[in-house]
Amino acid sequence: MATDRVSLIHFDKLSMSPAAADRFQKALDALEALKLQDRYVYLIAPYLGDIADASDTEQLATALEQGLRVVDELLAAHSVTKVKAGEVRQVFNTAGERARAELPGQ
């Protein structure tokens, strides 16, 4: 990823709890492993941050839904293949499961 964009993405972690920052980093690592173009990683990453930082099930559901909608839009615009979109969806779903498992009362 471009250095300035990496800095901005990682800057988001500063306002998170250590646990949320760890969840966000795991999701970023999984996303970066997909080797998407930088502009798509930069577009998707904030939604992964919202998932990692969700404080209740409603916030988590909203963040997950918004992130998956972005993936659908990238697919509709033919910016990513169906296979790649499925891989990105899996990153979102895994991030959501990880965050859900750590929510209070879960």
C-alpha atoms as a PDB file:
ATOM      1  CA  MET A   1       0.000   0.000   0.000  1.00  0.00           C
ATOM      2  CA  ALA A   2       1.072   3.558  -0.536  1.00  0.00           C
ATOM      3  CA  THR A   3       2.888   4.869   2.535  1.00  0.00           C
ATOM      4  CA  ASP A   4       0.613   7.870   3.114  1.00  0.00           C
ATOM      5  CA  ARG A   5      -2.474   5.702   2.982  1.00  0.00           C
ATOM      6  CA  VAL A   6      -0.961   3.110   5.301  1.00  0.00           C
ATOM      7  CA  SER A   7      -0.226   5.871   7.774  1.00  0.00           C
ATOM      8  CA  LEU A   8      -3.813   7.099   7.647  1.00  0.00           C
ATOM      9  CA  ILE A   9      -5.250   3.620   8.058  1.00  0.00           C
ATOM     10  CA  HIS A  10      -3.003   2.852  11.011  1.00  0.00           C
ATOM     11  CA  PHE A  11      -3.701   6.290  12.510  1.00  0.00           C
ATOM     12  CA  ASP A  12      -7.307   5.130  13.002  1.00  0.00           C
ATOM     13  CA  LYS A  13      -6.059   2.580  15.516  1.00  0.00           C
ATOM     14  CA  LEU A  14      -4.860   5.309  17.883  1.00  0.00           C
ATOM     15  CA  SER A  15      -8.409   6.102  18.964  1.00  0.00           C
ATOM     16  CA  MET A  16      -9.279   2.444  19.590  1.00  0.00           C
ATOM     17  CA  SER A  17      -8.918   0.328  22.675  1.00  0.00           C
ATOM     18  CA  PRO A  18      -5.973  -2.080  22.527  1.00  0.00           C
ATOM     19  CA  ALA A  19      -8.357  -5.005  21.918  1.00  0.00           C
ATOM     20  CA  ALA A  20     -10.121  -3.186  19.059  1.00  0.00           C
ATOM     21  CA  ALA A  21      -6.786  -2.141  17.557  1.00  0.00           C
ATOM     22  CA  ASP A  22      -5.672  -5.781  17.634  1.00  0.00           C
ATOM     23  CA  ARG A  23      -8.887  -6.906  15.898  1.00  0.00           C
ATOM     24  CA  PHE A  24      -8.445  -4.153  13.314  1.00  0.00           C
ATOM     25  CA  GLN A  25      -4.845  -5.162  12.650  1.00  0.00           C
ATOM     26  CA  LYS A  26      -5.838  -8.800  12.131  1.00  0.00           C
ATOM     27  CA  ALA A  27      -8.506  -7.718   9.653  1.00  0.00           C
ATOM     28  CA  LEU A  28      -6.052  -5.413   7.851  1.00  0.00           C
ATOM     29  CA  ASP A  29      -3.514  -8.229   7.606  1.00  0.00           C
ATOM     30  CA  ALA A  30      -6.151 -10.515   6.084  1.00  0.00           C
ATOM     31  CA  LEU A  31      -7.228  -7.775   3.667  1.00  0.00           C
ATOM     32  CA  GLU A  32      -3.670  -6.962   2.619  1.00  0.00           C
ATOM     33  CA  ALA A  33      -3.022 -10.670   1.984  1.00  0.00           C
ATOM     34  CA  LEU A  34      -5.644 -10.521  -0.783  1.00  0.00           C
ATOM     35  CA  LYS A  35      -3.382  -8.222  -2.818  1.00  0.00           C
ATOM     36  CA  LEU A  36      -6.118  -5.801  -3.830  1.00  0.00           C
ATOM     37  CA  GLN A  37      -5.240  -2.506  -5.445  1.00  0.00           C
ATOM     38  CA  ASP A  38      -4.351   0.132  -2.873  1.00  0.00           C
ATOM     39  CA  ARG A  39      -7.393   2.256  -3.648  1.00  0.00           C
ATOM     40  CA  TYR A  40      -9.707  -0.630  -2.741  1.00  0.00           C
ATOM     41  CA  VAL A  41      -7.848  -1.450   0.458  1.00  0.00           C
ATOM     42  CA  TYR A  42      -8.067   2.217   1.431  1.00  0.00           C
ATOM     43  CA  LEU A  43     -11.810   2.208   0.664  1.00  0.00           C
ATOM     44  CA  ILE A  44     -12.527  -0.995   2.618  1.00  0.00           C
ATOM     45  CA  ALA A  45     -10.271  -0.530   5.658  1.00  0.00           C
ATOM     46  CA  PRO A  46     -12.389   2.064   7.511  1.00  0.00           C
ATOM     47  CA  TYR A  47     -15.314  -0.364   7.579  1.00  0.00           C
ATOM     48  CA  LEU A  48     -13.069  -3.016   9.098  1.00  0.00           C
ATOM     49  CA  GLY A  49     -12.065  -0.429  11.692  1.00  0.00           C
ATOM     50  CA  ASP A  50     -15.718   0.253  12.487  1.00  0.00           C
ATOM     51  CA  ILE A  51     -16.322  -3.469  12.919  1.00  0.00           C
ATOM     52  CA  ALA A  52     -13.317  -3.837  15.207  1.00  0.00           C
ATOM     53  CA  ASP A  53     -14.361  -0.832  17.283  1.00  0.00           C
ATOM     54  CA  ALA A  54     -18.089  -1.629  17.572  1.00  0.00           C
ATOM     55  CA  SER A  55     -19.319  -1.389  21.140  1.00  0.00           C
ATOM     56  CA  ASP A  56     -22.645  -3.216  20.714  1.00  0.00           C
ATOM     57  CA  THR A  57     -24.422  -5.578  18.358  1.00  0.00           C
ATOM     58  CA  GLU A  58     -26.268  -2.777  16.584  1.00  0.00           C
ATOM     59  CA  GLN A  59     -23.059  -0.918  15.730  1.00  0.00           C
ATOM     60  CA  LEU A  60     -21.462  -4.161  14.649  1.00  0.00           C
ATOM     61  CA  ALA A  61     -24.380  -5.117  12.403  1.00  0.00           C
ATOM     62  CA  THR A  62     -24.414  -1.661  10.802  1.00  0.00           C
ATOM     63  CA  ALA A  63     -20.662  -1.643  10.164  1.00  0.00           C
ATOM     64  CA  LEU A  64     -20.726  -5.156   8.731  1.00  0.00           C
ATOM     65  CA  GLU A  65     -23.695  -4.348   6.485  1.00  0.00           C
ATOM     66  CA  GLN A  66     -22.026  -1.170   5.202  1.00  0.00           C
ATOM     67  CA  GLY A  67     -18.755  -2.960   4.512  1.00  0.00           C
ATOM     68  CA  LEU A  68     -20.445  -5.766   2.634  1.00  0.00           C
ATOM     69  CA  ARG A  69     -22.387  -3.182   0.605  1.00  0.00           C
ATOM     70  CA  VAL A  70     -19.084  -1.663  -0.512  1.00  0.00           C
ATOM     71  CA  VAL A  71     -17.945  -5.095  -1.677  1.00  0.00           C
ATOM     72  CA  ASP A  72     -21.186  -5.492  -3.640  1.00  0.00           C
ATOM     73  CA  GLU A  73     -20.635  -2.080  -5.243  1.00  0.00           C
ATOM     74  CA  LEU A  74     -17.062  -2.991  -6.229  1.00  0.00           C
ATOM     75  CA  LEU A  75     -18.358  -6.199  -7.788  1.00  0.00           C
ATOM     76  CA  ALA A  76     -21.180  -4.402  -9.628  1.00  0.00           C
ATOM     77  CA  ALA A  77     -18.658  -1.922 -11.028  1.00  0.00           C
ATOM     78  CA  HIS A  78     -16.479  -4.839 -12.179  1.00  0.00           C
ATOM     79  CA  SER A  79     -13.657  -3.498 -10.007  1.00  0.00           C
ATOM     80  CA  VAL A  80     -13.116  -6.937  -8.458  1.00  0.00           C
ATOM     81  CA  THR A  81     -13.885 -10.464  -9.599  1.00  0.00           C
ATOM     82  CA  LYS A  82     -16.545 -12.629  -7.986  1.00  0.00           C
ATOM     83  CA  VAL A  83     -13.807 -14.733  -6.433  1.00  0.00           C
ATOM     84  CA  LYS A  84     -12.025 -11.704  -4.983  1.00  0.00           C
ATOM     85  CA  ALA A  85     -15.320 -10.263  -3.724  1.00  0.00           C
ATOM     86  CA  GLY A  86     -15.988 -13.555  -1.950  1.00  0.00           C
ATOM     87  CA  GLU A  87     -12.572 -13.397  -0.331  1.00  0.00           C
ATOM     88  CA  VAL A  88     -13.192  -9.832   0.857  1.00  0.00           C
ATOM     89  CA  ARG A  89     -16.603 -10.842   2.210  1.00  0.00           C
ATOM     90  CA  GLN A  90     -14.868 -13.589   4.170  1.00  0.00           C
ATOM     91  CA  VAL A  91     -12.501 -10.987   5.671  1.00  0.00           C
ATOM     92  CA  PHE A  92     -15.538  -8.953   6.744  1.00  0.00           C
ATOM     93  CA  ASN A  93     -17.376 -11.961   8.133  1.00  0.00           C
ATOM     94  CA  THR A  94     -14.325 -13.151  10.060  1.00  0.00           C
ATOM     95  CA  ALA A  95     -13.791  -9.641  11.452  1.00  0.00           C
ATOM     96  CA  GLY A  96     -17.450  -9.542  12.467  1.00  0.00           C
ATOM     97  CA  GLU A  97     -17.250 -12.923  14.203  1.00  0.00           C
ATOM     98  CA  ARG A  98     -14.109 -11.857  16.039  1.00  0.00           C
ATOM     99  CA  ALA A  99     -15.707  -8.607  17.210  1.00  0.00           C
ATOM    100  CA  ARG A 100     -18.984 -10.294  18.145  1.00  0.00           C
ATOM    101  CA  ALA A 101     -17.143 -12.838  20.306  1.00  0.00           C
ATOM    102  CA  GLU A 102     -15.582 -10.014  22.325  1.00  0.00           C
ATOM    103  CA  LEU A 103     -18.682  -7.854  22.792  1.00  0.00           C
ATOM    104  CA  PRO A 104     -19.881  -7.491  26.376  1.00  0.00           C
ATOM    105  CA  GLY A 105     -22.517 -10.055  27.238  1.00  0.00           C
ATOM    106  CA  GLN A 106     -21.643 -12.397  24.378  1.00  0.00           C
END
